[in-house]
């Protein structure tokens, strides 16, 4: 799965051969050389998507499926513009629906904190995008002259007795309060209860401060969704390879 990074400009300048050699060496070093059967790519960076697809095909010699709204995603993407839906959000809602078969909200703690809403009949209807915990912390220190950089960790109390504890309360407990409030509002709009599923780096930390704990914490939910989507499309992919 590919993601944007702070070195995106540098990454775009690399060739598919550089990526291919890197991937082949990495996979062989990990002991998976010759064991991989296929790959699926989820990316929002088109230039990198094409390069990685070629790199995998040419150096690992396995078929590659690129996640998009044009393939079978296992769910109906029911927003105003389906093409806007990010691959990670599609994978999240696919996994949530296939694993639980009910209305659900996936809270994904990444660069942004996203809420992905899937209905009980398997429609991804949209959700919420909020600044992530890391971005919130960086913004406080970058745009104020007196606030320091802080390492995200447990908040000792709501009322901080020093600057760092003040900031941790606002960042960590404030994030939890946002999640509690938005889940309540989402259920009101849907007019039905939902299960909540957390994924991403800060999911376990934030869980401690929720009034309503997450029903499930699954750090591999996005990857599980990609696996499901690949299995839904592998026969078509293999047919295309044979016909090609």
C-alpha atoms as a PDB file:
ATOM      1  CA  UNK A   1       0.000   0.000   0.000  1.00  0.00           C
ATOM      2  CA  UNK A   2       1.480   3.336  -1.029  1.00  0.00           C
ATOM      3  CA  UNK A   3       1.058   6.580   0.841  1.00  0.00           C
ATOM      4  CA  UNK A   4       2.084  10.197   0.391  1.00  0.00           C
ATOM      5  CA  UNK A   5       5.174  11.115   2.327  1.00  0.00           C
ATOM      6  CA  UNK A   6       7.219  14.182   3.136  1.00  0.00           C
ATOM      7  CA  UNK A   7       9.746  12.977   0.529  1.00  0.00           C
ATOM      8  CA  UNK A   8       7.117  12.622  -2.189  1.00  0.00           C
ATOM      9  CA  UNK A   9       8.969  14.914  -4.634  1.00  0.00           C
ATOM     10  CA  UNK A  10      12.169  12.908  -4.243  1.00  0.00           C
ATOM     11  CA  UNK A  11      10.253   9.627  -4.563  1.00  0.00           C
ATOM     12  CA  UNK A  12       8.621  10.727  -7.822  1.00  0.00           C
ATOM     13  CA  UNK A  13      12.060  11.268  -9.362  1.00  0.00           C
ATOM     14  CA  UNK A  14      13.064   7.646  -8.866  1.00  0.00           C
ATOM     15  CA  UNK A  15      12.574   5.217 -11.730  1.00  0.00           C
ATOM     16  CA  UNK A  16      10.566   2.012 -11.729  1.00  0.00           C
ATOM     17  CA  UNK A  17      13.895   0.144 -11.977  1.00  0.00           C
ATOM     18  CA  UNK A  18      15.104   1.710  -8.719  1.00  0.00           C
ATOM     19  CA  UNK A  19      11.857   0.747  -7.013  1.00  0.00           C
ATOM     20  CA  UNK A  20      11.962  -2.718  -8.548  1.00  0.00           C
ATOM     21  CA  UNK A  21      15.482  -3.430  -7.308  1.00  0.00           C
ATOM     22  CA  UNK A  22      14.632  -2.069  -3.867  1.00  0.00           C
ATOM     23  CA  UNK A  23      11.475  -4.186  -3.572  1.00  0.00           C
ATOM     24  CA  UNK A  24      13.162  -7.333  -4.828  1.00  0.00           C
ATOM     25  CA  UNK A  25      16.075  -6.965  -2.404  1.00  0.00           C
ATOM     26  CA  UNK A  26      13.764  -6.165   0.500  1.00  0.00           C
ATOM     27  CA  UNK A  27      11.466  -9.121  -0.154  1.00  0.00           C
ATOM     28  CA  UNK A  28      14.356 -11.532  -0.601  1.00  0.00           C
ATOM     29  CA  UNK A  29      15.989 -10.227   2.573  1.00  0.00           C
ATOM     30  CA  UNK A  30      12.755 -10.944   4.470  1.00  0.00           C
ATOM     31  CA  UNK A  31      12.708 -14.499   3.148  1.00  0.00           C
ATOM     32  CA  UNK A  32       9.754 -14.126   0.778  1.00  0.00           C
ATOM     33  CA  UNK A  33      11.657 -14.388  -2.498  1.00  0.00           C
ATOM     34  CA  UNK A  34       9.636 -16.424  -5.005  1.00  0.00           C
ATOM     35  CA  UNK A  35       6.772 -16.894  -2.537  1.00  0.00           C
ATOM     36  CA  UNK A  36       4.565 -13.963  -3.514  1.00  0.00           C
ATOM     37  CA  UNK A  37       1.705 -14.731  -5.888  1.00  0.00           C
ATOM     38  CA  UNK A  38       0.190 -11.309  -6.529  1.00  0.00           C
ATOM     39  CA  UNK A  39       0.070  -7.694  -5.334  1.00  0.00           C
ATOM     40  CA  UNK A  40      -2.539  -4.991  -4.845  1.00  0.00           C
ATOM     41  CA  UNK A  41      -1.702  -1.291  -4.776  1.00  0.00           C
ATOM     42  CA  UNK A  42      -3.694   1.413  -3.008  1.00  0.00           C
ATOM     43  CA  UNK A  43      -2.329   4.861  -3.771  1.00  0.00           C
ATOM     44  CA  UNK A  44      -3.389   8.475  -4.261  1.00  0.00           C
ATOM     45  CA  UNK A  45      -0.175   9.437  -6.079  1.00  0.00           C
ATOM     46  CA  UNK A  46      -0.690   8.513  -9.738  1.00  0.00           C
ATOM     47  CA  UNK A  47       2.957   8.855 -10.789  1.00  0.00           C
ATOM     48  CA  UNK A  48       4.086   6.514  -8.035  1.00  0.00           C
ATOM     49  CA  UNK A  49       1.255   4.086  -8.702  1.00  0.00           C
ATOM     50  CA  UNK A  50       2.358   3.552 -12.294  1.00  0.00           C
ATOM     51  CA  UNK A  51       6.008   3.207 -11.333  1.00  0.00           C
ATOM     52  CA  UNK A  52       5.333   0.675  -8.583  1.00  0.00           C
ATOM     53  CA  UNK A  53       3.030  -1.350 -10.829  1.00  0.00           C
ATOM     54  CA  UNK A  54       5.756  -1.633 -13.470  1.00  0.00           C
ATOM     55  CA  UNK A  55       8.411  -2.309 -10.831  1.00  0.00           C
ATOM     56  CA  UNK A  56       6.438  -5.178  -9.314  1.00  0.00           C
ATOM     57  CA  UNK A  57       5.542  -6.693 -12.674  1.00  0.00           C
ATOM     58  CA  UNK A  58       9.078  -6.460 -14.067  1.00  0.00           C
ATOM     59  CA  UNK A  59      11.110  -7.435 -11.002  1.00  0.00           C
ATOM     60  CA  UNK A  60       8.834  -9.628  -8.899  1.00  0.00           C
ATOM     61  CA  UNK A  61       7.081 -11.195 -11.897  1.00  0.00           C
ATOM     62  CA  UNK A  62       3.661 -11.254 -10.270  1.00  0.00           C
ATOM     63  CA  UNK A  63       0.300  -9.777 -11.374  1.00  0.00           C
ATOM     64  CA  UNK A  64      -0.694  -6.398  -9.917  1.00  0.00           C
ATOM     65  CA  UNK A  65      -4.175  -5.089  -9.169  1.00  0.00           C
ATOM     66  CA  UNK A  66      -4.583  -1.335  -8.684  1.00  0.00           C
ATOM     67  CA  UNK A  67      -7.437  -0.371  -6.373  1.00  0.00           C
ATOM     68  CA  UNK A  68      -9.941   1.997  -7.983  1.00  0.00           C
ATOM     69  CA  UNK A  69     -13.677   2.532  -8.161  1.00  0.00           C
ATOM     70  CA  UNK A  70     -13.695   0.697 -11.502  1.00  0.00           C
ATOM     71  CA  UNK A  71     -13.120  -2.732  -9.923  1.00  0.00           C
ATOM     72  CA  UNK A  72     -15.264  -4.801  -7.557  1.00  0.00           C
ATOM     73  CA  UNK A  73     -14.728  -3.222  -4.151  1.00  0.00           C
ATOM     74  CA  UNK A  74     -17.261  -5.388  -2.326  1.00  0.00           C
ATOM     75  CA  UNK A  75     -19.300  -2.325  -1.358  1.00  0.00           C
ATOM     76  CA  UNK A  76     -21.294   0.352  -3.154  1.00  0.00           C
ATOM     77  CA  UNK A  77     -19.571   3.745  -3.063  1.00  0.00           C
ATOM     78  CA  UNK A  78     -22.558   6.004  -2.530  1.00  0.00           C
ATOM     79  CA  UNK A  79     -21.177   9.537  -2.223  1.00  0.00           C
ATOM     80  CA  UNK A  80     -21.692  12.626  -4.380  1.00  0.00           C
ATOM     81  CA  UNK A  81     -18.532  11.813  -6.351  1.00  0.00           C
ATOM     82  CA  UNK A  82     -17.363   8.176  -6.000  1.00  0.00           C
ATOM     83  CA  UNK A  83     -14.071   9.021  -7.720  1.00  0.00           C
ATOM     84  CA  UNK A  84     -13.093  11.129  -4.691  1.00  0.00           C
ATOM     85  CA  UNK A  85     -13.053   8.111  -2.384  1.00  0.00           C
ATOM     86  CA  UNK A  86      -9.511   7.286  -1.263  1.00  0.00           C
ATOM     87  CA  UNK A  87      -8.249   3.735  -1.607  1.00  0.00           C
ATOM     88  CA  UNK A  88      -7.581   3.350   2.116  1.00  0.00           C
ATOM     89  CA  UNK A  89     -11.137   4.421   2.940  1.00  0.00           C
ATOM     90  CA  UNK A  90     -12.584   1.998   0.407  1.00  0.00           C
ATOM     91  CA  UNK A  91     -10.477  -0.806   1.873  1.00  0.00           C
ATOM     92  CA  UNK A  92     -11.517   0.130   5.420  1.00  0.00           C
ATOM     93  CA  UNK A  93     -15.235   0.059   4.673  1.00  0.00           C
ATOM     94  CA  UNK A  94     -14.922  -3.125   2.624  1.00  0.00           C
ATOM     95  CA  UNK A  95     -13.224  -4.907   5.526  1.00  0.00           C
ATOM     96  CA  UNK A  96     -15.681  -3.499   8.081  1.00  0.00           C
ATOM     97  CA  UNK A  97     -18.683  -4.713   6.101  1.00  0.00           C
ATOM     98  CA  UNK A  98     -17.294  -8.133   5.217  1.00  0.00           C
ATOM     99  CA  UNK A  99     -16.162  -8.810   8.774  1.00  0.00           C
ATOM    100  CA  UNK A 100     -19.259  -7.545  10.604  1.00  0.00           C
ATOM    101  CA  UNK A 101     -22.165  -7.288   8.101  1.00  0.00           C
ATOM    102  CA  UNK A 102     -23.739  -4.307   9.850  1.00  0.00           C
ATOM    103  CA  UNK A 103     -23.681  -0.519   9.892  1.00  0.00           C
ATOM    104  CA  UNK A 104     -20.255   0.608  11.041  1.00  0.00           C
ATOM    105  CA  UNK A 105     -17.952   3.566  11.443  1.00  0.00           C
ATOM    106  CA  UNK A 106     -14.234   3.050  10.898  1.00  0.00           C
ATOM    107  CA  UNK A 107     -12.050   5.596  12.675  1.00  0.00           C
ATOM    108  CA  UNK A 108      -8.626   5.589  11.024  1.00  0.00           C
ATOM    109  CA  UNK A 109      -5.816   7.405  12.842  1.00  0.00           C
ATOM    110  CA  UNK A 110      -3.411   8.524  10.149  1.00  0.00           C
ATOM    111  CA  UNK A 111      -2.098  11.883   8.984  1.00  0.00           C
ATOM    112  CA  UNK A 112      -5.764  12.824   9.139  1.00  0.00           C
ATOM    113  CA  UNK A 113      -8.296  11.143  11.388  1.00  0.00           C
ATOM    114  CA  UNK A 114     -11.009   9.820   9.099  1.00  0.00           C
ATOM    115  CA  UNK A 115     -14.445   8.437   9.883  1.00  0.00           C
ATOM    116  CA  UNK A 116     -15.672   6.031   7.195  1.00  0.00           C
ATOM    117  CA  UNK A 117     -19.380   5.205   7.367  1.00  0.00           C
ATOM    118  CA  UNK A 118     -20.807   2.015   5.875  1.00  0.00           C
ATOM    119  CA  UNK A 119     -24.525   1.176   6.067  1.00  0.00           C
ATOM    120  CA  UNK A 120     -26.056  -2.149   6.977  1.00  0.00           C
ATOM    121  CA  UNK A 121     -26.687  -2.854   3.280  1.00  0.00           C
ATOM    122  CA  UNK A 122     -23.041  -2.333   2.309  1.00  0.00           C
ATOM    123  CA  UNK A 123     -22.955   1.281   1.096  1.00  0.00           C
ATOM    124  CA  UNK A 124     -19.986   3.534   1.804  1.00  0.00           C
ATOM    125  CA  UNK A 125     -21.815   6.836   2.138  1.00  0.00           C
ATOM    126  CA  UNK A 126     -18.945   9.112   3.199  1.00  0.00           C
ATOM    127  CA  UNK A 127     -17.877  10.308   6.614  1.00  0.00           C
ATOM    128  CA  UNK A 128     -15.655  12.855   8.293  1.00  0.00           C
ATOM    129  CA  UNK A 129     -12.069  14.053   7.793  1.00  0.00           C
ATOM    130  CA  UNK A 130     -10.422  15.827  10.731  1.00  0.00           C
ATOM    131  CA  UNK A 131      -6.821  16.881  11.436  1.00  0.00           C
ATOM    132  CA  UNK A 132      -4.822  13.952  12.769  1.00  0.00           C
ATOM    133  CA  UNK A 133      -3.218  13.840  16.193  1.00  0.00           C
ATOM    134  CA  UNK A 134       0.279  14.371  14.788  1.00  0.00           C
ATOM    135  CA  UNK A 135      -0.813  17.358  12.686  1.00  0.00           C
ATOM    136  CA  UNK A 136      -2.620  18.890  15.659  1.00  0.00           C
ATOM    137  CA  UNK A 137       0.471  18.584  17.828  1.00  0.00           C
ATOM    138  CA  UNK A 138       2.760  20.040  15.161  1.00  0.00           C
ATOM    139  CA  UNK A 139       0.382  22.951  14.527  1.00  0.00           C
ATOM    140  CA  UNK A 140       0.396  23.962  18.192  1.00  0.00           C
ATOM    141  CA  UNK A 141       4.178  24.149  18.341  1.00  0.00           C
ATOM    142  CA  UNK A 142       4.681  25.581  14.838  1.00  0.00           C
ATOM    143  CA  UNK A 143       2.154  28.405  14.994  1.00  0.00           C
ATOM    144  CA  UNK A 144       2.649  29.528  18.585  1.00  0.00           C
ATOM    145  CA  UNK A 145       5.817  31.055  19.967  1.00  0.00           C
ATOM    146  CA  UNK A 146       5.749  29.612  23.483  1.00  0.00           C
ATOM    147  CA  UNK A 147       4.413  26.072  23.072  1.00  0.00           C
ATOM    148  CA  UNK A 148       7.007  23.283  22.721  1.00  0.00           C
ATOM    149  CA  UNK A 149       6.963  20.157  20.591  1.00  0.00           C
ATOM    150  CA  UNK A 150       5.512  17.244  22.536  1.00  0.00           C
ATOM    151  CA  UNK A 151       5.686  13.500  22.156  1.00  0.00           C
ATOM    152  CA  UNK A 152       2.177  12.101  22.016  1.00  0.00           C
ATOM    153  CA  UNK A 153       1.592   9.996  25.122  1.00  0.00           C
ATOM    154  CA  UNK A 154      -0.958   9.416  27.872  1.00  0.00           C
ATOM    155  CA  UNK A 155      -2.721  12.429  29.347  1.00  0.00           C
ATOM    156  CA  UNK A 156      -2.415  12.335  33.132  1.00  0.00           C
ATOM    157  CA  UNK A 157      -5.466  14.483  33.844  1.00  0.00           C
ATOM    158  CA  UNK A 158      -7.946  16.752  32.139  1.00  0.00           C
ATOM    159  CA  UNK A 159      -6.536  19.789  33.909  1.00  0.00           C
ATOM    160  CA  UNK A 160      -2.848  19.968  33.112  1.00  0.00           C
ATOM    161  CA  UNK A 161      -0.500  21.354  35.755  1.00  0.00           C
ATOM    162  CA  UNK A 162       2.190  22.335  33.237  1.00  0.00           C
ATOM    163  CA  UNK A 163       2.377  23.285  29.578  1.00  0.00           C
ATOM    164  CA  UNK A 164       3.079  19.792  28.244  1.00  0.00           C
ATOM    165  CA  UNK A 165       0.243  18.246  30.250  1.00  0.00           C
ATOM    166  CA  UNK A 166      -2.059  21.055  29.094  1.00  0.00           C
ATOM    167  CA  UNK A 167      -1.196  20.250  25.497  1.00  0.00           C
ATOM    168  CA  UNK A 168      -1.560  16.479  25.925  1.00  0.00           C
ATOM    169  CA  UNK A 169      -4.987  16.967  27.483  1.00  0.00           C
ATOM    170  CA  UNK A 170      -6.121  19.092  24.567  1.00  0.00           C
ATOM    171  CA  UNK A 171      -4.628  16.861  21.897  1.00  0.00           C
ATOM    172  CA  UNK A 172      -5.387  13.399  23.297  1.00  0.00           C
ATOM    173  CA  UNK A 173      -8.512  13.930  25.396  1.00  0.00           C
ATOM    174  CA  UNK A 174      -9.804  16.530  22.952  1.00  0.00           C
ATOM    175  CA  UNK A 175      -9.470  14.007  20.124  1.00  0.00           C
ATOM    176  CA  UNK A 176     -11.357  11.406  22.150  1.00  0.00           C
ATOM    177  CA  UNK A 177     -14.148  13.888  22.917  1.00  0.00           C
ATOM    178  CA  UNK A 178     -14.414  14.724  19.205  1.00  0.00           C
ATOM    179  CA  UNK A 179     -14.782  11.035  18.366  1.00  0.00           C
ATOM    180  CA  UNK A 180     -17.431  10.466  21.042  1.00  0.00           C
ATOM    181  CA  UNK A 181     -19.434  13.441  19.816  1.00  0.00           C
ATOM    182  CA  UNK A 182     -19.209  12.617  16.124  1.00  0.00           C
ATOM    183  CA  UNK A 183     -20.226   8.975  16.627  1.00  0.00           C
ATOM    184  CA  UNK A 184     -23.363  10.168  18.458  1.00  0.00           C
ATOM    185  CA  UNK A 185     -24.175  12.578  15.630  1.00  0.00           C
ATOM    186  CA  UNK A 186     -23.523   9.934  12.936  1.00  0.00           C
ATOM    187  CA  UNK A 187     -25.956   7.541  14.612  1.00  0.00           C
ATOM    188  CA  UNK A 188     -28.561  10.305  14.754  1.00  0.00           C
ATOM    189  CA  UNK A 189     -28.190  11.000  11.023  1.00  0.00           C
ATOM    190  CA  UNK A 190     -28.309   7.296  10.144  1.00  0.00           C
ATOM    191  CA  UNK A 191     -31.168   6.742  12.580  1.00  0.00           C
ATOM    192  CA  UNK A 192     -29.625   3.446  13.636  1.00  0.00           C
ATOM    193  CA  UNK A 193     -26.840   2.186  15.910  1.00  0.00           C
ATOM    194  CA  UNK A 194     -23.380   1.479  14.508  1.00  0.00           C
ATOM    195  CA  UNK A 195     -20.423  -0.561  15.580  1.00  0.00           C
ATOM    196  CA  UNK A 196     -17.149   1.348  15.817  1.00  0.00           C
ATOM    197  CA  UNK A 197     -13.849   0.027  14.539  1.00  0.00           C
ATOM    198  CA  UNK A 198     -10.513   1.759  15.105  1.00  0.00           C
ATOM    199  CA  UNK A 199      -7.374   1.340  13.059  1.00  0.00           C
ATOM    200  CA  UNK A 200      -4.112   3.262  12.796  1.00  0.00           C
ATOM    201  CA  UNK A 201      -1.272   4.192  15.085  1.00  0.00           C
ATOM    202  CA  UNK A 202      -3.066   6.036  17.878  1.00  0.00           C
ATOM    203  CA  UNK A 203      -6.145   3.825  18.162  1.00  0.00           C
ATOM    204  CA  UNK A 204      -5.127   2.067  21.390  1.00  0.00           C
ATOM    205  CA  UNK A 205      -4.027   5.309  23.058  1.00  0.00           C
ATOM    206  CA  UNK A 206      -7.237   7.178  22.272  1.00  0.00           C
ATOM    207  CA  UNK A 207      -9.402   4.217  23.302  1.00  0.00           C
ATOM    208  CA  UNK A 208      -8.485   4.862  26.941  1.00  0.00           C
ATOM    209  CA  UNK A 209     -10.225   8.247  26.937  1.00  0.00           C
ATOM    210  CA  UNK A 210     -13.444   7.438  25.111  1.00  0.00           C
ATOM    211  CA  UNK A 211     -16.746   7.467  26.971  1.00  0.00           C
ATOM    212  CA  UNK A 212     -17.869   4.830  24.511  1.00  0.00           C
ATOM    213  CA  UNK A 213     -14.969   2.457  23.814  1.00  0.00           C
ATOM    214  CA  UNK A 214     -14.422   1.186  20.289  1.00  0.00           C
ATOM    215  CA  UNK A 215     -16.177  -2.106  19.614  1.00  0.00           C
ATOM    216  CA  UNK A 216     -13.116  -3.365  17.766  1.00  0.00           C
ATOM    217  CA  UNK A 217      -9.501  -2.237  17.388  1.00  0.00           C
ATOM    218  CA  UNK A 218      -7.911  -3.722  14.274  1.00  0.00           C
ATOM    219  CA  UNK A 219      -4.496  -2.311  13.301  1.00  0.00           C
ATOM    220  CA  UNK A 220      -4.553  -4.318  10.050  1.00  0.00           C
ATOM    221  CA  UNK A 221      -8.057  -3.393   8.895  1.00  0.00           C
ATOM    222  CA  UNK A 222      -6.902  -1.574   5.747  1.00  0.00           C
ATOM    223  CA  UNK A 223      -4.689  -4.482   4.723  1.00  0.00           C
ATOM    224  CA  UNK A 224      -7.541  -6.895   5.410  1.00  0.00           C
ATOM    225  CA  UNK A 225      -9.733  -4.823   3.100  1.00  0.00           C
ATOM    226  CA  UNK A 226      -7.104  -4.919   0.369  1.00  0.00           C
ATOM    227  CA  UNK A 227      -6.882  -8.705   0.698  1.00  0.00           C
ATOM    228  CA  UNK A 228     -10.655  -9.037   0.370  1.00  0.00           C
ATOM    229  CA  UNK A 229     -10.770  -6.733  -2.661  1.00  0.00           C
ATOM    230  CA  UNK A 230      -7.964  -8.646  -4.339  1.00  0.00           C
ATOM    231  CA  UNK A 231      -9.784 -11.947  -3.829  1.00  0.00           C
ATOM    232  CA  UNK A 232     -12.948 -10.433  -5.333  1.00  0.00           C
ATOM    233  CA  UNK A 233     -11.018  -9.488  -8.489  1.00  0.00           C
ATOM    234  CA  UNK A 234      -8.288 -12.116  -8.853  1.00  0.00           C
ATOM    235  CA  UNK A 235     -10.165 -14.251 -11.381  1.00  0.00           C
ATOM    236  CA  UNK A 236     -10.666 -11.276 -13.684  1.00  0.00           C
ATOM    237  CA  UNK A 237      -7.024 -10.251 -13.223  1.00  0.00           C
ATOM    238  CA  UNK A 238      -5.786 -13.740 -14.083  1.00  0.00           C
ATOM    239  CA  UNK A 239      -8.080 -13.850 -17.146  1.00  0.00           C
ATOM    240  CA  UNK A 240      -6.653 -10.549 -18.375  1.00  0.00           C
ATOM    241  CA  UNK A 241      -3.114 -11.866 -17.947  1.00  0.00           C
ATOM    242  CA  UNK A 242      -3.868 -15.029 -19.903  1.00  0.00           C
ATOM    243  CA  UNK A 243      -5.587 -13.120 -22.710  1.00  0.00           C
ATOM    244  CA  UNK A 244      -2.708 -10.610 -22.821  1.00  0.00           C
END
